[in-house]
């Protein structure tokens, strides 16, 4: 399974230098797990930068994978993980989701360094 962090989604949508690195995870919806917080972050950014229609199109594509809502159990896990790893709120939810699904985590965010199933590519 694959979890793609918001930074990687945005890189992919923008066609940035690392887009091809993240493409295999994004383009395999049968193995894609999407934390609902990523929908929030990506929608906001796309709407700010490109408008409502672009935000709706981008997040519709994200929903081809399994969208995981933030329920009580995941919220508690995210809280614990966030404290233990000193992560921001959204990052703790993304990591908790990846761990719950035993997934590879694809990102450009250095906050996740240390997670054993990390696929990290520094932002170019």
PDB file of N, CA and C in Angstrom:
ATOM      1  N   UNK A   1       0.848  -1.185   0.000  1.00  0.00           N
ATOM      2  CA  UNK A   1       0.000   0.000   0.000  1.00  0.00           C
ATOM      3  C   UNK A   1       0.889   1.242   0.000  1.00  0.00           C
ATOM      4  N   UNK A   2       0.326   2.341  -0.490  1.00  0.00           N
ATOM      5  CA  UNK A   2       1.049   3.610  -0.589  1.00  0.00           C
ATOM      6  C   UNK A   2       0.214   4.746  -0.013  1.00  0.00           C
ATOM      7  N   UNK A   3       0.842   5.582   0.789  1.00  0.00           N
ATOM      8  CA  UNK A   3       0.262   6.844   1.239  1.00  0.00           C
ATOM      9  C   UNK A   3       1.124   7.942   0.638  1.00  0.00           C
ATOM     10  N   UNK A   4       0.478   8.898  -0.009  1.00  0.00           N
ATOM     11  CA  UNK A   4       1.180  10.015  -0.631  1.00  0.00           C
ATOM     12  C   UNK A   4       0.859  11.268   0.162  1.00  0.00           C
ATOM     13  N   UNK A   5       1.886  11.903   0.695  1.00  0.00           N
ATOM     14  CA  UNK A   5       1.722  13.121   1.481  1.00  0.00           C
ATOM     15  C   UNK A   5       1.306  14.285   0.574  1.00  0.00           C
ATOM     16  N   UNK A   6       0.705  15.282   1.161  1.00  0.00           N
ATOM     17  CA  UNK A   6       0.230  16.451   0.414  1.00  0.00           C
ATOM     18  C   UNK A   6       1.325  17.098  -0.422  1.00  0.00           C
ATOM     19  N   UNK A   7       2.529  17.170   0.110  1.00  0.00           N
ATOM     20  CA  UNK A   7       3.627  17.800  -0.633  1.00  0.00           C
ATOM     21  C   UNK A   7       3.902  17.062  -1.938  1.00  0.00           C
ATOM     22  N   UNK A   8       3.782  15.746  -1.916  1.00  0.00           N
ATOM     23  CA  UNK A   8       4.021  14.944  -3.109  1.00  0.00           C
ATOM     24  C   UNK A   8       2.856  15.072  -4.094  1.00  0.00           C
ATOM     25  N   UNK A   9       1.631  15.101  -3.597  1.00  0.00           N
ATOM     26  CA  UNK A   9       0.483  15.334  -4.472  1.00  0.00           C
ATOM     27  C   UNK A   9       0.631  16.656  -5.209  1.00  0.00           C
ATOM     28  N   UNK A  10       0.965  17.704  -4.477  1.00  0.00           N
ATOM     29  CA  UNK A  10       1.083  19.027  -5.087  1.00  0.00           C
ATOM     30  C   UNK A  10       2.211  19.069  -6.110  1.00  0.00           C
ATOM     31  N   UNK A  11       3.296  18.381  -5.827  1.00  0.00           N
ATOM     32  CA  UNK A  11       4.406  18.291  -6.776  1.00  0.00           C
ATOM     33  C   UNK A  11       3.945  17.590  -8.058  1.00  0.00           C
ATOM     34  N   UNK A  12       3.200  16.533  -7.895  1.00  0.00           N
ATOM     35  CA  UNK A  12       2.687  15.768  -9.034  1.00  0.00           C
ATOM     36  C   UNK A  12       1.736  16.626  -9.871  1.00  0.00           C
ATOM     37  N   UNK A  13       0.788  17.276  -9.217  1.00  0.00           N
ATOM     38  CA  UNK A  13      -0.178  18.103  -9.937  1.00  0.00           C
ATOM     39  C   UNK A  13       0.490  19.267 -10.658  1.00  0.00           C
ATOM     40  N   UNK A  14       1.559  19.809 -10.074  1.00  0.00           N
ATOM     41  CA  UNK A  14       2.263  20.943 -10.678  1.00  0.00           C
ATOM     42  C   UNK A  14       3.216  20.504 -11.786  1.00  0.00           C
ATOM     43  N   UNK A  15       3.445  19.190 -11.904  1.00  0.00           N
ATOM     44  CA  UNK A  15       4.412  18.705 -12.887  1.00  0.00           C
ATOM     45  C   UNK A  15       5.823  19.132 -12.535  1.00  0.00           C
ATOM     46  N   UNK A  16       6.101  19.214 -11.230  1.00  0.00           N
ATOM     47  CA  UNK A  16       7.411  19.649 -10.749  1.00  0.00           C
ATOM     48  C   UNK A  16       8.500  18.625 -11.006  1.00  0.00           C
ATOM     49  N   UNK A  17       9.739  18.983 -10.653  1.00  0.00           N
ATOM     50  CA  UNK A  17      10.893  18.114 -10.921  1.00  0.00           C
ATOM     51  C   UNK A  17      10.791  16.713 -10.305  1.00  0.00           C
ATOM     52  N   UNK A  18      10.066  16.568  -9.193  1.00  0.00           N
ATOM     53  CA  UNK A  18       9.939  15.263  -8.539  1.00  0.00           C
ATOM     54  C   UNK A  18       8.644  14.532  -8.897  1.00  0.00           C
ATOM     55  N   UNK A  19       7.868  15.073  -9.799  1.00  0.00           N
ATOM     56  CA  UNK A  19       6.566  14.489 -10.134  1.00  0.00           C
ATOM     57  C   UNK A  19       6.694  13.033 -10.591  1.00  0.00           C
ATOM     58  N   UNK A  20       7.685  12.740 -11.411  1.00  0.00           N
ATOM     59  CA  UNK A  20       7.824  11.369 -11.914  1.00  0.00           C
ATOM     60  C   UNK A  20       8.221  10.389 -10.808  1.00  0.00           C
ATOM     61  N   UNK A  21       8.888  10.877  -9.766  1.00  0.00           N
ATOM     62  CA  UNK A  21       9.247  10.021  -8.634  1.00  0.00           C
ATOM     63  C   UNK A  21       7.978   9.543  -7.919  1.00  0.00           C
ATOM     64  N   UNK A  22       6.989  10.438  -7.783  1.00  0.00           N
ATOM     65  CA  UNK A  22       5.767  10.117  -7.047  1.00  0.00           C
ATOM     66  C   UNK A  22       4.701   9.453  -7.915  1.00  0.00           C
ATOM     67  N   UNK A  23       4.852   9.531  -9.224  1.00  0.00           N
ATOM     68  CA  UNK A  23       3.837   9.022 -10.148  1.00  0.00           C
ATOM     69  C   UNK A  23       3.475   7.550  -9.925  1.00  0.00           C
ATOM     70  N   UNK A  24       4.436   6.640  -9.709  1.00  0.00           N
ATOM     71  CA  UNK A  24       4.043   5.231  -9.541  1.00  0.00           C
ATOM     72  C   UNK A  24       3.055   5.009  -8.393  1.00  0.00           C
ATOM     73  N   UNK A  25       3.232   5.708  -7.291  1.00  0.00           N
ATOM     74  CA  UNK A  25       2.310   5.548  -6.156  1.00  0.00           C
ATOM     75  C   UNK A  25       0.961   6.179  -6.458  1.00  0.00           C
ATOM     76  N   UNK A  26       0.970   7.361  -7.045  1.00  0.00           N
ATOM     77  CA  UNK A  26      -0.269   8.090  -7.329  1.00  0.00           C
ATOM     78  C   UNK A  26      -1.080   7.401  -8.416  1.00  0.00           C
ATOM     79  N   UNK A  27      -0.415   6.829  -9.377  1.00  0.00           N
ATOM     80  CA  UNK A  27      -1.102   6.246 -10.530  1.00  0.00           C
ATOM     81  C   UNK A  27      -1.474   4.766 -10.339  1.00  0.00           C
ATOM     82  N   UNK A  28      -1.414   4.288  -9.105  1.00  0.00           N
ATOM     83  CA  UNK A  28      -1.805   2.912  -8.778  1.00  0.00           C
ATOM     84  C   UNK A  28      -2.931   2.964  -7.741  1.00  0.00           C
ATOM     85  N   UNK A  29      -4.166   3.289  -8.168  1.00  0.00           N
ATOM     86  CA  UNK A  29      -5.248   3.505  -7.207  1.00  0.00           C
ATOM     87  C   UNK A  29      -5.608   2.272  -6.377  1.00  0.00           C
ATOM     88  N   UNK A  30      -5.324   1.067  -6.875  1.00  0.00           N
ATOM     89  CA  UNK A  30      -5.640  -0.134  -6.095  1.00  0.00           C
ATOM     90  C   UNK A  30      -4.771  -0.252  -4.844  1.00  0.00           C
ATOM     91  N   UNK A  31      -3.613   0.417  -4.845  1.00  0.00           N
ATOM     92  CA  UNK A  31      -2.704   0.353  -3.698  1.00  0.00           C
ATOM     93  C   UNK A  31      -2.590   1.701  -2.983  1.00  0.00           C
ATOM     94  N   UNK A  32      -3.452   2.658  -3.345  1.00  0.00           N
ATOM     95  CA  UNK A  32      -3.363   4.019  -2.833  1.00  0.00           C
ATOM     96  C   UNK A  32      -4.289   4.240  -1.641  1.00  0.00           C
ATOM     97  N   UNK A  33      -3.722   4.724  -0.548  1.00  0.00           N
ATOM     98  CA  UNK A  33      -4.464   5.084   0.658  1.00  0.00           C
ATOM     99  C   UNK A  33      -4.324   6.596   0.823  1.00  0.00           C
ATOM    100  N   UNK A  34      -5.450   7.291   0.945  1.00  0.00           N
ATOM    101  CA  UNK A  34      -5.445   8.754   0.994  1.00  0.00           C
ATOM    102  C   UNK A  34      -5.979   9.229   2.342  1.00  0.00           C
ATOM    103  N   UNK A  35      -5.095   9.768   3.198  1.00  0.00           N
ATOM    104  CA  UNK A  35      -5.586  10.352   4.446  1.00  0.00           C
ATOM    105  C   UNK A  35      -6.496  11.543   4.134  1.00  0.00           C
ATOM    106  N   UNK A  36      -7.624  11.626   4.811  1.00  0.00           N
ATOM    107  CA  UNK A  36      -8.561  12.712   4.522  1.00  0.00           C
ATOM    108  C   UNK A  36      -7.924  14.084   4.738  1.00  0.00           C
ATOM    109  N   UNK A  37      -6.964  14.199   5.645  1.00  0.00           N
ATOM    110  CA  UNK A  37      -6.291  15.482   5.867  1.00  0.00           C
ATOM    111  C   UNK A  37      -5.546  15.929   4.612  1.00  0.00           C
ATOM    112  N   UNK A  38      -5.072  14.989   3.804  1.00  0.00           N
ATOM    113  CA  UNK A  38      -4.404  15.350   2.542  1.00  0.00           C
ATOM    114  C   UNK A  38      -5.389  15.969   1.565  1.00  0.00           C
ATOM    115  N   UNK A  39      -6.633  15.478   1.561  1.00  0.00           N
ATOM    116  CA  UNK A  39      -7.657  16.106   0.718  1.00  0.00           C
ATOM    117  C   UNK A  39      -7.850  17.571   1.121  1.00  0.00           C
ATOM    118  N   UNK A  40      -7.882  17.826   2.412  1.00  0.00           N
ATOM    119  CA  UNK A  40      -8.042  19.201   2.905  1.00  0.00           C
ATOM    120  C   UNK A  40      -6.872  20.075   2.448  1.00  0.00           C
ATOM    121  N   UNK A  41      -5.657  19.599   2.707  1.00  0.00           N
ATOM    122  CA  UNK A  41      -4.473  20.402   2.390  1.00  0.00           C
ATOM    123  C   UNK A  41      -4.330  20.655   0.891  1.00  0.00           C
ATOM    124  N   UNK A  42      -4.523  19.625   0.094  1.00  0.00           N
ATOM    125  CA  UNK A  42      -4.361  19.767  -1.355  1.00  0.00           C
ATOM    126  C   UNK A  42      -5.481  20.635  -1.933  1.00  0.00           C
ATOM    127  N   UNK A  43      -6.714  20.422  -1.498  1.00  0.00           N
ATOM    128  CA  UNK A  43      -7.818  21.247  -1.975  1.00  0.00           C
ATOM    129  C   UNK A  43      -7.561  22.720  -1.687  1.00  0.00           C
ATOM    130  N   UNK A  44      -7.163  23.028  -0.465  1.00  0.00           N
ATOM    131  CA  UNK A  44      -6.897  24.431  -0.087  1.00  0.00           C
ATOM    132  C   UNK A  44      -5.842  25.062  -0.977  1.00  0.00           C
ATOM    133  N   UNK A  45      -4.726  24.347  -1.154  1.00  0.00           N
ATOM    134  CA  UNK A  45      -3.623  24.898  -1.936  1.00  0.00           C
ATOM    135  C   UNK A  45      -4.006  25.074  -3.403  1.00  0.00           C
ATOM    136  N   UNK A  46      -4.651  24.057  -3.979  1.00  0.00           N
ATOM    137  CA  UNK A  46      -5.071  24.169  -5.375  1.00  0.00           C
ATOM    138  C   UNK A  46      -6.080  25.296  -5.560  1.00  0.00           C
ATOM    139  N   UNK A  47      -6.991  25.447  -4.609  1.00  0.00           N
ATOM    140  CA  UNK A  47      -7.980  26.518  -4.713  1.00  0.00           C
ATOM    141  C   UNK A  47      -7.305  27.887  -4.628  1.00  0.00           C
ATOM    142  N   UNK A  48      -6.335  28.022  -3.723  1.00  0.00           N
ATOM    143  CA  UNK A  48      -5.600  29.290  -3.602  1.00  0.00           C
ATOM    144  C   UNK A  48      -4.835  29.615  -4.868  1.00  0.00           C
ATOM    145  N   UNK A  49      -4.209  28.608  -5.455  1.00  0.00           N
ATOM    146  CA  UNK A  49      -3.311  28.845  -6.577  1.00  0.00           C
ATOM    147  C   UNK A  49      -3.999  28.810  -7.938  1.00  0.00           C
ATOM    148  N   UNK A  50      -5.035  27.975  -8.076  1.00  0.00           N
ATOM    149  CA  UNK A  50      -5.600  27.771  -9.412  1.00  0.00           C
ATOM    150  C   UNK A  50      -7.120  27.886  -9.475  1.00  0.00           C
ATOM    151  N   UNK A  51      -7.781  28.049  -8.342  1.00  0.00           N
ATOM    152  CA  UNK A  51      -9.227  28.222  -8.337  1.00  0.00           C
ATOM    153  C   UNK A  51      -9.995  26.969  -7.966  1.00  0.00           C
ATOM    154  N   UNK A  52     -11.290  27.165  -7.807  1.00  0.00           N
ATOM    155  CA  UNK A  52     -12.179  26.102  -7.340  1.00  0.00           C
ATOM    156  C   UNK A  52     -12.221  24.905  -8.284  1.00  0.00           C
ATOM    157  N   UNK A  53     -12.339  25.144  -9.584  1.00  0.00           N
ATOM    158  CA  UNK A  53     -12.430  24.029 -10.534  1.00  0.00           C
ATOM    159  C   UNK A  53     -11.192  23.142 -10.492  1.00  0.00           C
ATOM    160  N   UNK A  54     -10.016  23.745 -10.434  1.00  0.00           N
ATOM    161  CA  UNK A  54      -8.774  22.961 -10.354  1.00  0.00           C
ATOM    162  C   UNK A  54      -8.726  22.160  -9.058  1.00  0.00           C
ATOM    163  N   UNK A  55      -9.185  22.756  -7.973  1.00  0.00           N
ATOM    164  CA  UNK A  55      -9.201  22.057  -6.685  1.00  0.00           C
ATOM    165  C   UNK A  55     -10.154  20.865  -6.731  1.00  0.00           C
ATOM    166  N   UNK A  56     -11.309  21.056  -7.338  1.00  0.00           N
ATOM    167  CA  UNK A  56     -12.274  19.956  -7.449  1.00  0.00           C
ATOM    168  C   UNK A  56     -11.735  18.833  -8.333  1.00  0.00           C
ATOM    169  N   UNK A  57     -11.116  19.186  -9.461  1.00  0.00           N
ATOM    170  CA  UNK A  57     -10.545  18.168 -10.360  1.00  0.00           C
ATOM    171  C   UNK A  57      -9.419  17.399  -9.671  1.00  0.00           C
ATOM    172  N   UNK A  58      -8.515  18.128  -9.017  1.00  0.00           N
ATOM    173  CA  UNK A  58      -7.381  17.474  -8.366  1.00  0.00           C
ATOM    174  C   UNK A  58      -7.801  16.520  -7.274  1.00  0.00           C
ATOM    175  N   UNK A  59      -8.700  16.962  -6.422  1.00  0.00           N
ATOM    176  CA  UNK A  59      -9.101  16.097  -5.315  1.00  0.00           C
ATOM    177  C   UNK A  59     -10.010  14.969  -5.779  1.00  0.00           C
ATOM    178  N   UNK A  60     -10.702  15.137  -6.910  1.00  0.00           N
ATOM    179  CA  UNK A  60     -11.480  14.016  -7.462  1.00  0.00           C
ATOM    180  C   UNK A  60     -10.540  12.879  -7.840  1.00  0.00           C
ATOM    181  N   UNK A  61      -9.398  13.210  -8.424  1.00  0.00           N
ATOM    182  CA  UNK A  61      -8.418  12.193  -8.765  1.00  0.00           C
ATOM    183  C   UNK A  61      -7.861  11.495  -7.541  1.00  0.00           C
ATOM    184  N   UNK A  62      -7.683  12.238  -6.470  1.00  0.00           N
ATOM    185  CA  UNK A  62      -7.174  11.646  -5.230  1.00  0.00           C
ATOM    186  C   UNK A  62      -8.138  10.597  -4.685  1.00  0.00           C
ATOM    187  N   UNK A  63      -9.417  10.798  -4.930  1.00  0.00           N
ATOM    188  CA  UNK A  63     -10.438   9.912  -4.378  1.00  0.00           C
ATOM    189  C   UNK A  63     -10.551   8.582  -5.128  1.00  0.00           C
ATOM    190  N   UNK A  64      -9.698   8.361  -6.129  1.00  0.00           N
ATOM    191  CA  UNK A  64      -9.673   7.056  -6.793  1.00  0.00           C
ATOM    192  C   UNK A  64      -9.059   5.993  -5.891  1.00  0.00           C
ATOM    193  N   UNK A  65      -8.307   6.439  -4.887  1.00  0.00           N
ATOM    194  CA  UNK A  65      -7.759   5.523  -3.897  1.00  0.00           C
ATOM    195  C   UNK A  65      -8.714   5.357  -2.733  1.00  0.00           C
ATOM    196  N   UNK A  66      -8.287   4.656  -1.714  1.00  0.00           N
ATOM    197  CA  UNK A  66      -9.076   4.468  -0.494  1.00  0.00           C
ATOM    198  C   UNK A  66      -8.899   5.697   0.388  1.00  0.00           C
ATOM    199  N   UNK A  67      -9.947   6.493   0.542  1.00  0.00           N
ATOM    200  CA  UNK A  67      -9.892   7.675   1.402  1.00  0.00           C
ATOM    201  C   UNK A  67     -10.170   7.228   2.830  1.00  0.00           C
ATOM    202  N   UNK A  68      -9.243   7.560   3.729  1.00  0.00           N
ATOM    203  CA  UNK A  68      -9.348   7.137   5.121  1.00  0.00           C
ATOM    204  C   UNK A  68      -9.772   8.329   5.973  1.00  0.00           C
ATOM    205  N   UNK A  69     -10.978   8.250   6.563  1.00  0.00           N
ATOM    206  CA  UNK A  69     -11.420   9.345   7.426  1.00  0.00           C
ATOM    207  C   UNK A  69     -10.678   9.327   8.762  1.00  0.00           C
ATOM    208  N   UNK A  70     -10.663  10.458   9.402  1.00  0.00           N
ATOM    209  CA  UNK A  70     -10.049  10.562  10.728  1.00  0.00           C
ATOM    210  C   UNK A  70     -11.091  10.165  11.762  1.00  0.00           C
ATOM    211  N   UNK A  71     -11.012   8.921  12.220  1.00  0.00           N
ATOM    212  CA  UNK A  71     -11.927   8.464  13.256  1.00  0.00           C
ATOM    213  C   UNK A  71     -11.227   8.573  14.618  1.00  0.00           C
ATOM    214  N   UNK A  72     -11.914   8.164  15.662  1.00  0.00           N
ATOM    215  CA  UNK A  72     -11.385   8.323  17.023  1.00  0.00           C
ATOM    216  C   UNK A  72     -10.091   7.540  17.235  1.00  0.00           C
ATOM    217  N   UNK A  73     -10.037   6.308  16.767  1.00  0.00           N
ATOM    218  CA  UNK A  73      -8.840   5.488  16.971  1.00  0.00           C
ATOM    219  C   UNK A  73      -7.640   6.076  16.233  1.00  0.00           C
ATOM    220  N   UNK A  74      -7.832   6.487  14.982  1.00  0.00           N
ATOM    221  CA  UNK A  74      -6.742   7.079  14.207  1.00  0.00           C
ATOM    222  C   UNK A  74      -6.307   8.403  14.823  1.00  0.00           C
ATOM    223  N   UNK A  75      -7.273   9.172  15.346  1.00  0.00           N
ATOM    224  CA  UNK A  75      -6.948  10.443  15.996  1.00  0.00           C
ATOM    225  C   UNK A  75      -6.064  10.227  17.226  1.00  0.00           C
ATOM    226  N   UNK A  76      -6.397   9.227  18.026  1.00  0.00           N
ATOM    227  CA  UNK A  76      -5.567   8.929  19.202  1.00  0.00           C
ATOM    228  C   UNK A  76      -4.161   8.485  18.787  1.00  0.00           C
ATOM    229  N   UNK A  77      -4.088   7.624  17.775  1.00  0.00           N
ATOM    230  CA  UNK A  77      -2.775   7.185  17.288  1.00  0.00           C
ATOM    231  C   UNK A  77      -1.971   8.371  16.767  1.00  0.00           C
ATOM    232  N   UNK A  78      -2.621   9.244  16.023  1.00  0.00           N
ATOM    233  CA  UNK A  78      -1.941  10.425  15.485  1.00  0.00           C
ATOM    234  C   UNK A  78      -1.452  11.327  16.602  1.00  0.00           C
ATOM    235  N   UNK A  79      -2.248  11.475  17.635  1.00  0.00           N
ATOM    236  CA  UNK A  79      -1.824  12.288  18.778  1.00  0.00           C
ATOM    237  C   UNK A  79      -0.582  11.723  19.446  1.00  0.00           C
ATOM    238  N   UNK A  80      -0.579  10.426  19.666  1.00  0.00           N
ATOM    239  CA  UNK A  80       0.576   9.764  20.284  1.00  0.00           C
ATOM    240  C   UNK A  80       1.810   9.886  19.392  1.00  0.00           C
ATOM    241  N   UNK A  81       1.656   9.577  18.125  1.00  0.00           N
ATOM    242  CA  UNK A  81       2.768   9.633  17.182  1.00  0.00           C
ATOM    243  C   UNK A  81       3.305  11.060  17.071  1.00  0.00           C
ATOM    244  N   UNK A  82       2.402  12.023  17.042  1.00  0.00           N
ATOM    245  CA  UNK A  82       2.819  13.423  16.950  1.00  0.00           C
ATOM    246  C   UNK A  82       3.665  13.862  18.132  1.00  0.00           C
ATOM    247  N   UNK A  83       3.276  13.434  19.327  1.00  0.00           N
ATOM    248  CA  UNK A  83       4.050  13.769  20.526  1.00  0.00           C
ATOM    249  C   UNK A  83       5.391  13.048  20.505  1.00  0.00           C
ATOM    250  N   UNK A  84       5.363  11.749  20.229  1.00  0.00           N
ATOM    251  CA  UNK A  84       6.595  10.959  20.235  1.00  0.00           C
ATOM    252  C   UNK A  84       7.612  11.449  19.212  1.00  0.00           C
ATOM    253  N   UNK A  85       7.138  11.826  18.039  1.00  0.00           N
ATOM    254  CA  UNK A  85       8.047  12.219  16.946  1.00  0.00           C
ATOM    255  C   UNK A  85       8.133  13.725  16.740  1.00  0.00           C
ATOM    256  N   UNK A  86       7.434  14.468  17.581  1.00  0.00           N
ATOM    257  CA  UNK A  86       7.436  15.932  17.502  1.00  0.00           C
ATOM    258  C   UNK A  86       7.020  16.422  16.102  1.00  0.00           C
ATOM    259  N   UNK A  87       5.884  15.894  15.637  1.00  0.00           N
ATOM    260  CA  UNK A  87       5.378  16.221  14.304  1.00  0.00           C
ATOM    261  C   UNK A  87       4.244  17.239  14.375  1.00  0.00           C
ATOM    262  N   UNK A  88       4.106  18.066  13.343  1.00  0.00           N
ATOM    263  CA  UNK A  88       2.920  18.913  13.236  1.00  0.00           C
ATOM    264  C   UNK A  88       1.662  18.046  13.115  1.00  0.00           C
ATOM    265  N   UNK A  89       0.517  18.631  13.391  1.00  0.00           N
ATOM    266  CA  UNK A  89      -0.749  17.897  13.428  1.00  0.00           C
ATOM    267  C   UNK A  89      -1.016  17.111  12.143  1.00  0.00           C
ATOM    268  N   UNK A  90      -1.006  17.764  10.998  1.00  0.00           N
ATOM    269  CA  UNK A  90      -1.330  17.070   9.744  1.00  0.00           C
ATOM    270  C   UNK A  90      -0.342  15.930   9.489  1.00  0.00           C
ATOM    271  N   UNK A  91       0.936  16.171   9.725  1.00  0.00           N
ATOM    272  CA  UNK A  91       1.941  15.125   9.511  1.00  0.00           C
ATOM    273  C   UNK A  91       1.699  13.926  10.419  1.00  0.00           C
ATOM    274  N   UNK A  92       1.267  14.172  11.638  1.00  0.00           N
ATOM    275  CA  UNK A  92       1.010  13.052  12.553  1.00  0.00           C
ATOM    276  C   UNK A  92      -0.165  12.207  12.059  1.00  0.00           C
ATOM    277  N   UNK A  93      -1.170  12.834  11.449  1.00  0.00           N
ATOM    278  CA  UNK A  93      -2.304  12.095  10.896  1.00  0.00           C
ATOM    279  C   UNK A  93      -1.868  11.288   9.674  1.00  0.00           C
ATOM    280  N   UNK A  94      -1.065  11.894   8.823  1.00  0.00           N
ATOM    281  CA  UNK A  94      -0.569  11.190   7.630  1.00  0.00           C
ATOM    282  C   UNK A  94       0.263   9.972   8.050  1.00  0.00           C
ATOM    283  N   UNK A  95       1.164  10.161   8.991  1.00  0.00           N
ATOM    284  CA  UNK A  95       2.015   9.051   9.423  1.00  0.00           C
ATOM    285  C   UNK A  95       1.200   7.969  10.124  1.00  0.00           C
ATOM    286  N   UNK A  96       0.257   8.352  10.956  1.00  0.00           N
ATOM    287  CA  UNK A  96      -0.591   7.362  11.629  1.00  0.00           C
ATOM    288  C   UNK A  96      -1.385   6.549  10.600  1.00  0.00           C
ATOM    289  N   UNK A  97      -1.843   7.200   9.557  1.00  0.00           N
ATOM    290  CA  UNK A  97      -2.582   6.506   8.497  1.00  0.00           C
ATOM    291  C   UNK A  97      -1.668   5.521   7.768  1.00  0.00           C
ATOM    292  N   UNK A  98      -0.461   5.960   7.443  1.00  0.00           N
ATOM    293  CA  UNK A  98       0.494   5.069   6.774  1.00  0.00           C
ATOM    294  C   UNK A  98       0.796   3.853   7.657  1.00  0.00           C
ATOM    295  N   UNK A  99       1.024   4.091   8.923  1.00  0.00           N
ATOM    296  CA  UNK A  99       1.344   2.990   9.832  1.00  0.00           C
ATOM    297  C   UNK A  99       0.160   2.030   9.979  1.00  0.00           C
ATOM    298  N   UNK A 100      -1.045   2.564  10.063  1.00  0.00           N
ATOM    299  CA  UNK A 100      -2.240   1.724  10.225  1.00  0.00           C
ATOM    300  C   UNK A 100      -2.461   0.816   9.019  1.00  0.00           C
ATOM    301  N   UNK A 101      -1.986   1.242   7.854  1.00  0.00           N
ATOM    302  CA  UNK A 101      -2.168   0.460   6.629  1.00  0.00           C
ATOM    303  C   UNK A 101      -0.880  -0.220   6.178  1.00  0.00           C
ATOM    304  N   UNK A 102       0.138  -0.186   7.047  1.00  0.00           N
ATOM    305  CA  UNK A 102       1.434  -0.793   6.732  1.00  0.00           C
ATOM    306  C   UNK A 102       1.900  -0.350   5.344  1.00  0.00           C
ATOM    307  N   UNK A 103       1.805   0.962   5.102  1.00  0.00           N
ATOM    308  CA  UNK A 103       2.032   1.523   3.770  1.00  0.00           C
ATOM    309  C   UNK A 103       3.375   2.223   3.654  1.00  0.00           C
ATOM    310  N   UNK A 104       3.860   2.283   2.420  1.00  0.00           N
ATOM    311  CA  UNK A 104       4.983   3.158   2.098  1.00  0.00           C
ATOM    312  C   UNK A 104       4.471   4.591   2.141  1.00  0.00           C
ATOM    313  N   UNK A 105       5.269   5.498   2.669  1.00  0.00           N
ATOM    314  CA  UNK A 105       4.897   6.909   2.732  1.00  0.00           C
ATOM    315  C   UNK A 105       5.770   7.691   1.770  1.00  0.00           C
ATOM    316  N   UNK A 106       5.149   8.308   0.771  1.00  0.00           N
ATOM    317  CA  UNK A 106       5.827   9.071  -0.277  1.00  0.00           C
ATOM    318  C   UNK A 106       5.710  10.546   0.057  1.00  0.00           C
ATOM    319  N   UNK A 107       6.843  11.262   0.096  1.00  0.00           N
ATOM    320  CA  UNK A 107       6.807  12.656   0.521  1.00  0.00           C
ATOM    321  C   UNK A 107       8.031  13.443   0.087  1.00  0.00           C
ATOM    322  N   UNK A 108       7.905  14.751   0.180  1.00  0.00           N
ATOM    323  CA  UNK A 108       9.022  15.688   0.038  1.00  0.00           C
ATOM    324  C   UNK A 108       9.306  16.356   1.382  1.00  0.00           C
ATOM    325  N   UNK A 109       8.622  15.927   2.415  1.00  0.00           N
ATOM    326  CA  UNK A 109       8.674  16.556   3.735  1.00  0.00           C
ATOM    327  C   UNK A 109       9.674  15.814   4.630  1.00  0.00           C
ATOM    328  N   UNK A 110      10.729  16.494   5.005  1.00  0.00           N
ATOM    329  CA  UNK A 110      11.775  15.902   5.829  1.00  0.00           C
ATOM    330  C   UNK A 110      11.331  15.542   7.236  1.00  0.00           C
ATOM    331  N   UNK A 111      10.154  15.996   7.672  1.00  0.00           N
ATOM    332  CA  UNK A 111       9.659  15.654   9.015  1.00  0.00           C
ATOM    333  C   UNK A 111       9.468  14.158   9.199  1.00  0.00           C
ATOM    334  N   UNK A 112       9.313  13.427   8.110  1.00  0.00           N
ATOM    335  CA  UNK A 112       9.035  11.992   8.203  1.00  0.00           C
ATOM    336  C   UNK A 112      10.295  11.124   8.230  1.00  0.00           C
ATOM    337  N   UNK A 113      11.446  11.725   8.079  1.00  0.00           N
ATOM    338  CA  UNK A 113      12.692  10.952   8.079  1.00  0.00           C
ATOM    339  C   UNK A 113      12.782  10.161   9.380  1.00  0.00           C
ATOM    340  N   UNK A 114      13.060   8.891   9.248  1.00  0.00           N
ATOM    341  CA  UNK A 114      13.103   7.993  10.398  1.00  0.00           C
ATOM    342  C   UNK A 114      12.010   6.931  10.322  1.00  0.00           C
ATOM    343  N   UNK A 115      10.961   7.191   9.548  1.00  0.00           N
ATOM    344  CA  UNK A 115       9.926   6.182   9.337  1.00  0.00           C
ATOM    345  C   UNK A 115      10.509   5.107   8.419  1.00  0.00           C
ATOM    346  N   UNK A 116      10.390   3.860   8.808  1.00  0.00           N
ATOM    347  CA  UNK A 116      11.078   2.777   8.110  1.00  0.00           C
ATOM    348  C   UNK A 116      10.574   2.538   6.686  1.00  0.00           C
ATOM    349  N   UNK A 117       9.366   2.926   6.386  1.00  0.00           N
ATOM    350  CA  UNK A 117       8.811   2.683   5.047  1.00  0.00           C
ATOM    351  C   UNK A 117       8.698   3.997   4.262  1.00  0.00           C
ATOM    352  N   UNK A 118       9.673   4.848   4.404  1.00  0.00           N
ATOM    353  CA  UNK A 118       9.652   6.168   3.790  1.00  0.00           C
ATOM    354  C   UNK A 118      10.214   6.139   2.371  1.00  0.00           C
ATOM    355  N   UNK A 119       9.536   6.822   1.464  1.00  0.00           N
ATOM    356  CA  UNK A 119      10.021   7.087   0.121  1.00  0.00           C
ATOM    357  C   UNK A 119      10.126   8.608   0.012  1.00  0.00           C
ATOM    358  N   UNK A 120      11.292   9.116   0.336  1.00  0.00           N
ATOM    359  CA  UNK A 120      11.516  10.555   0.456  1.00  0.00           C
ATOM    360  C   UNK A 120      12.361  11.065  -0.693  1.00  0.00           C
ATOM    361  N   UNK A 121      11.925  12.161  -1.265  1.00  0.00           N
ATOM    362  CA  UNK A 121      12.689  12.877  -2.276  1.00  0.00           C
ATOM    363  C   UNK A 121      12.631  14.349  -1.888  1.00  0.00           C
ATOM    364  N   UNK A 122      13.777  14.939  -1.585  1.00  0.00           N
ATOM    365  CA  UNK A 122      13.820  16.345  -1.169  1.00  0.00           C
ATOM    366  C   UNK A 122      13.264  17.239  -2.265  1.00  0.00           C
ATOM    367  N   UNK A 123      12.567  18.268  -1.842  1.00  0.00           N
ATOM    368  CA  UNK A 123      11.999  19.231  -2.794  1.00  0.00           C
ATOM    369  C   UNK A 123      13.133  19.875  -3.590  1.00  0.00           C
ATOM    370  N   UNK A 124      12.972  19.871  -4.901  1.00  0.00           N
ATOM    371  CA  UNK A 124      14.016  20.401  -5.793  1.00  0.00           C
ATOM    372  C   UNK A 124      13.991  21.921  -5.815  1.00  0.00           C
TER     373      UNK A 124
END
